């Protein structure tokens, strides 16, 4: 097994021919926070009252 990656280090960067290039904003949106537990805050607020 070649652990220094010499077999792939000089390969060109892959660019898909099927999908459009994403803008920086679109790429950043993929990592934006999301509500994994939708309705959780409302359920907790109902219990606290």
PDB file of N, CA and C in Angstrom:
ATOM      1  N   UNK A   1       0.847  -1.187   0.000  1.00  0.00           N
ATOM      2  CA  UNK A   1       0.000   0.000   0.000  1.00  0.00           C
ATOM      3  C   UNK A   1       0.887   1.244   0.000  1.00  0.00           C
ATOM      4  N   UNK A   2       0.600   2.158  -0.903  1.00  0.00           N
ATOM      5  CA  UNK A   2       1.390   3.373  -1.034  1.00  0.00           C
ATOM      6  C   UNK A   2       0.783   4.472  -0.169  1.00  0.00           C
ATOM      7  N   UNK A   3       1.443   4.825   0.930  1.00  0.00           N
ATOM      8  CA  UNK A   3       0.878   5.776   1.872  1.00  0.00           C
ATOM      9  C   UNK A   3       1.279   7.220   1.590  1.00  0.00           C
ATOM     10  N   UNK A   4       2.119   7.470   0.584  1.00  0.00           N
ATOM     11  CA  UNK A   4       2.510   8.849   0.317  1.00  0.00           C
ATOM     12  C   UNK A   4       1.640   9.491  -0.764  1.00  0.00           C
ATOM     13  N   UNK A   5       0.653   8.776  -1.279  1.00  0.00           N
ATOM     14  CA  UNK A   5      -0.311   9.274  -2.264  1.00  0.00           C
ATOM     15  C   UNK A   5       0.329   9.738  -3.562  1.00  0.00           C
ATOM     16  N   UNK A   6       1.524   9.277  -3.855  1.00  0.00           N
ATOM     17  CA  UNK A   6       2.212   9.696  -5.077  1.00  0.00           C
ATOM     18  C   UNK A   6       1.466   9.247  -6.338  1.00  0.00           C
ATOM     19  N   UNK A   7       0.629   8.227  -6.216  1.00  0.00           N
ATOM     20  CA  UNK A   7      -0.119   7.758  -7.377  1.00  0.00           C
ATOM     21  C   UNK A   7      -1.291   8.672  -7.738  1.00  0.00           C
ATOM     22  N   UNK A   8      -1.732   9.519  -6.808  1.00  0.00           N
ATOM     23  CA  UNK A   8      -2.879  10.388  -7.087  1.00  0.00           C
ATOM     24  C   UNK A   8      -2.602  11.873  -6.882  1.00  0.00           C
ATOM     25  N   UNK A   9      -1.456  12.214  -6.347  1.00  0.00           N
ATOM     26  CA  UNK A   9      -1.188  13.595  -5.961  1.00  0.00           C
ATOM     27  C   UNK A   9      -1.215  14.563  -7.138  1.00  0.00           C
ATOM     28  N   UNK A  10      -0.852  14.139  -8.326  1.00  0.00           N
ATOM     29  CA  UNK A  10      -0.800  15.035  -9.475  1.00  0.00           C
ATOM     30  C   UNK A  10      -1.988  14.902 -10.426  1.00  0.00           C
ATOM     31  N   UNK A  11      -3.029  14.202 -10.010  1.00  0.00           N
ATOM     32  CA  UNK A  11      -4.214  14.079 -10.856  1.00  0.00           C
ATOM     33  C   UNK A  11      -4.946  15.418 -10.913  1.00  0.00           C
ATOM     34  N   UNK A  12      -5.602  15.720 -12.034  1.00  0.00           N
ATOM     35  CA  UNK A  12      -6.344  16.982 -12.131  1.00  0.00           C
ATOM     36  C   UNK A  12      -7.581  16.962 -11.236  1.00  0.00           C
ATOM     37  N   UNK A  13      -7.998  18.142 -10.792  1.00  0.00           N
ATOM     38  CA  UNK A  13      -9.198  18.278  -9.968  1.00  0.00           C
ATOM     39  C   UNK A  13     -10.413  17.874 -10.787  1.00  0.00           C
ATOM     40  N   UNK A  14     -11.275  17.038 -10.225  1.00  0.00           N
ATOM     41  CA  UNK A  14     -12.466  16.568 -10.933  1.00  0.00           C
ATOM     42  C   UNK A  14     -13.523  17.668 -10.989  1.00  0.00           C
ATOM     43  N   UNK A  15     -14.119  17.862 -12.156  1.00  0.00           N
ATOM     44  CA  UNK A  15     -15.225  18.794 -12.346  1.00  0.00           C
ATOM     45  C   UNK A  15     -16.342  18.021 -13.035  1.00  0.00           C
ATOM     46  N   UNK A  16     -17.504  17.992 -12.422  1.00  0.00           N
ATOM     47  CA  UNK A  16     -18.641  17.262 -12.970  1.00  0.00           C
ATOM     48  C   UNK A  16     -19.154  17.922 -14.241  1.00  0.00           C
ATOM     49  N   UNK A  17     -19.487  17.116 -15.207  1.00  0.00           N
ATOM     50  CA  UNK A  17     -20.094  17.618 -16.429  1.00  0.00           C
ATOM     51  C   UNK A  17     -21.611  17.602 -16.355  1.00  0.00           C
ATOM     52  N   UNK A  18     -22.156  17.008 -15.286  1.00  0.00           N
ATOM     53  CA  UNK A  18     -23.603  16.867 -15.144  1.00  0.00           C
ATOM     54  C   UNK A  18     -24.231  17.868 -14.177  1.00  0.00           C
ATOM     55  N   UNK A  19     -23.466  18.392 -13.267  1.00  0.00           N
ATOM     56  CA  UNK A  19     -24.015  19.290 -12.249  1.00  0.00           C
ATOM     57  C   UNK A  19     -23.368  20.663 -12.348  1.00  0.00           C
ATOM     58  N   UNK A  20     -24.164  21.720 -12.153  1.00  0.00           N
ATOM     59  CA  UNK A  20     -23.600  23.072 -12.237  1.00  0.00           C
ATOM     60  C   UNK A  20     -22.698  23.379 -11.038  1.00  0.00           C
ATOM     61  N   UNK A  21     -21.760  24.270 -11.240  1.00  0.00           N
ATOM     62  CA  UNK A  21     -20.857  24.696 -10.185  1.00  0.00           C
ATOM     63  C   UNK A  21     -21.623  25.518  -9.148  1.00  0.00           C
ATOM     64  N   UNK A  22     -21.430  25.250  -7.873  1.00  0.00           N
ATOM     65  CA  UNK A  22     -22.116  25.988  -6.812  1.00  0.00           C
ATOM     66  C   UNK A  22     -21.376  27.277  -6.489  1.00  0.00           C
ATOM     67  N   UNK A  23     -22.141  28.311  -6.152  1.00  0.00           N
ATOM     68  CA  UNK A  23     -21.532  29.553  -5.686  1.00  0.00           C
ATOM     69  C   UNK A  23     -21.032  29.338  -4.263  1.00  0.00           C
ATOM     70  N   UNK A  24     -20.239  30.281  -3.765  1.00  0.00           N
ATOM     71  CA  UNK A  24     -19.757  30.182  -2.379  1.00  0.00           C
ATOM     72  C   UNK A  24     -20.932  30.187  -1.399  1.00  0.00           C
ATOM     73  N   UNK A  25     -21.960  30.981  -1.694  1.00  0.00           N
ATOM     74  CA  UNK A  25     -23.133  31.049  -0.822  1.00  0.00           C
ATOM     75  C   UNK A  25     -23.877  29.724  -0.797  1.00  0.00           C
ATOM     76  N   UNK A  26     -24.009  29.095  -1.957  1.00  0.00           N
ATOM     77  CA  UNK A  26     -24.685  27.802  -2.017  1.00  0.00           C
ATOM     78  C   UNK A  26     -23.898  26.732  -1.276  1.00  0.00           C
ATOM     79  N   UNK A  27     -22.599  26.772  -1.413  1.00  0.00           N
ATOM     80  CA  UNK A  27     -21.757  25.795  -0.699  1.00  0.00           C
ATOM     81  C   UNK A  27     -21.844  26.006   0.802  1.00  0.00           C
ATOM     82  N   UNK A  28     -21.819  27.270   1.243  1.00  0.00           N
ATOM     83  CA  UNK A  28     -21.895  27.587   2.673  1.00  0.00           C
ATOM     84  C   UNK A  28     -23.238  27.163   3.256  1.00  0.00           C
ATOM     85  N   UNK A  29     -24.304  27.291   2.466  1.00  0.00           N
ATOM     86  CA  UNK A  29     -25.640  26.938   2.949  1.00  0.00           C
ATOM     87  C   UNK A  29     -25.741  25.453   3.290  1.00  0.00           C
ATOM     88  N   UNK A  30     -24.922  24.633   2.683  1.00  0.00           N
ATOM     89  CA  UNK A  30     -24.947  23.201   2.983  1.00  0.00           C
ATOM     90  C   UNK A  30     -24.535  22.921   4.424  1.00  0.00           C
ATOM     91  N   UNK A  31     -23.772  23.836   5.002  1.00  0.00           N
ATOM     92  CA  UNK A  31     -23.254  23.630   6.347  1.00  0.00           C
ATOM     93  C   UNK A  31     -23.959  24.506   7.375  1.00  0.00           C
ATOM     94  N   UNK A  32     -25.013  25.207   6.962  1.00  0.00           N
ATOM     95  CA  UNK A  32     -25.759  26.065   7.879  1.00  0.00           C
ATOM     96  C   UNK A  32     -26.483  25.193   8.911  1.00  0.00           C
ATOM     97  N   UNK A  33     -26.726  25.741  10.086  1.00  0.00           N
ATOM     98  CA  UNK A  33     -27.458  24.980  11.108  1.00  0.00           C
ATOM     99  C   UNK A  33     -28.867  24.638  10.623  1.00  0.00           C
ATOM    100  N   UNK A  34     -29.402  23.549  11.115  1.00  0.00           N
ATOM    101  CA  UNK A  34     -30.756  23.157  10.756  1.00  0.00           C
ATOM    102  C   UNK A  34     -31.457  22.639  12.004  1.00  0.00           C
ATOM    103  N   UNK A  35     -32.772  22.620  11.969  1.00  0.00           N
ATOM    104  CA  UNK A  35     -33.573  22.151  13.104  1.00  0.00           C
ATOM    105  C   UNK A  35     -33.755  20.644  12.982  1.00  0.00           C
ATOM    106  N   UNK A  36     -32.891  19.896  13.619  1.00  0.00           N
ATOM    107  CA  UNK A  36     -32.968  18.439  13.548  1.00  0.00           C
ATOM    108  C   UNK A  36     -34.223  17.929  14.247  1.00  0.00           C
ATOM    109  N   UNK A  37     -34.634  18.645  15.266  1.00  0.00           N
ATOM    110  CA  UNK A  37     -35.821  18.246  16.015  1.00  0.00           C
ATOM    111  C   UNK A  37     -36.901  19.311  15.827  1.00  0.00           C
ATOM    112  N   UNK A  38     -37.549  19.305  14.676  1.00  0.00           N
ATOM    113  CA  UNK A  38     -38.575  20.312  14.423  1.00  0.00           C
ATOM    114  C   UNK A  38     -39.720  20.140  15.418  1.00  0.00           C
ATOM    115  N   UNK A  39     -40.155  21.261  15.974  1.00  0.00           N
ATOM    116  CA  UNK A  39     -41.220  21.245  16.969  1.00  0.00           C
ATOM    117  C   UNK A  39     -40.720  21.054  18.386  1.00  0.00           C
ATOM    118  N   UNK A  40     -39.428  20.835  18.562  1.00  0.00           N
ATOM    119  CA  UNK A  40     -38.869  20.584  19.893  1.00  0.00           C
ATOM    120  C   UNK A  40     -39.058  21.775  20.817  1.00  0.00           C
ATOM    121  N   UNK A  41     -38.724  22.974  20.331  1.00  0.00           N
ATOM    122  CA  UNK A  41     -38.844  24.173  21.177  1.00  0.00           C
ATOM    123  C   UNK A  41     -40.292  24.386  21.622  1.00  0.00           C
ATOM    124  N   UNK A  42     -41.242  24.189  20.712  1.00  0.00           N
ATOM    125  CA  UNK A  42     -42.653  24.372  21.064  1.00  0.00           C
ATOM    126  C   UNK A  42     -43.088  23.337  22.099  1.00  0.00           C
ATOM    127  N   UNK A  43     -42.612  22.116  21.967  1.00  0.00           N
ATOM    128  CA  UNK A  43     -42.973  21.059  22.923  1.00  0.00           C
ATOM    129  C   UNK A  43     -42.400  21.368  24.288  1.00  0.00           C
ATOM    130  N   UNK A  44     -41.174  21.833  24.350  1.00  0.00           N
ATOM    131  CA  UNK A  44     -40.545  22.173  25.631  1.00  0.00           C
ATOM    132  C   UNK A  44     -41.245  23.373  26.267  1.00  0.00           C
ATOM    133  N   UNK A  45     -41.580  24.370  25.443  1.00  0.00           N
ATOM    134  CA  UNK A  45     -42.298  25.539  25.969  1.00  0.00           C
ATOM    135  C   UNK A  45     -43.630  25.134  26.557  1.00  0.00           C
ATOM    136  N   UNK A  46     -44.309  24.161  25.961  1.00  0.00           N
ATOM    137  CA  UNK A  46     -45.584  23.682  26.489  1.00  0.00           C
ATOM    138  C   UNK A  46     -45.412  22.973  27.824  1.00  0.00           C
ATOM    139  N   UNK A  47     -44.301  22.299  28.019  1.00  0.00           N
ATOM    140  CA  UNK A  47     -44.036  21.583  29.274  1.00  0.00           C
ATOM    141  C   UNK A  47     -43.654  22.566  30.374  1.00  0.00           C
ATOM    142  N   UNK A  48     -42.947  23.618  30.024  1.00  0.00           N
ATOM    143  CA  UNK A  48     -42.473  24.592  31.013  1.00  0.00           C
ATOM    144  C   UNK A  48     -43.599  25.433  31.602  1.00  0.00           C
ATOM    145  N   UNK A  49     -44.704  25.552  30.900  1.00  0.00           N
ATOM    146  CA  UNK A  49     -45.789  26.427  31.388  1.00  0.00           C
ATOM    147  C   UNK A  49     -46.589  25.785  32.470  1.00  0.00           C
TER     148      UNK A  49
END
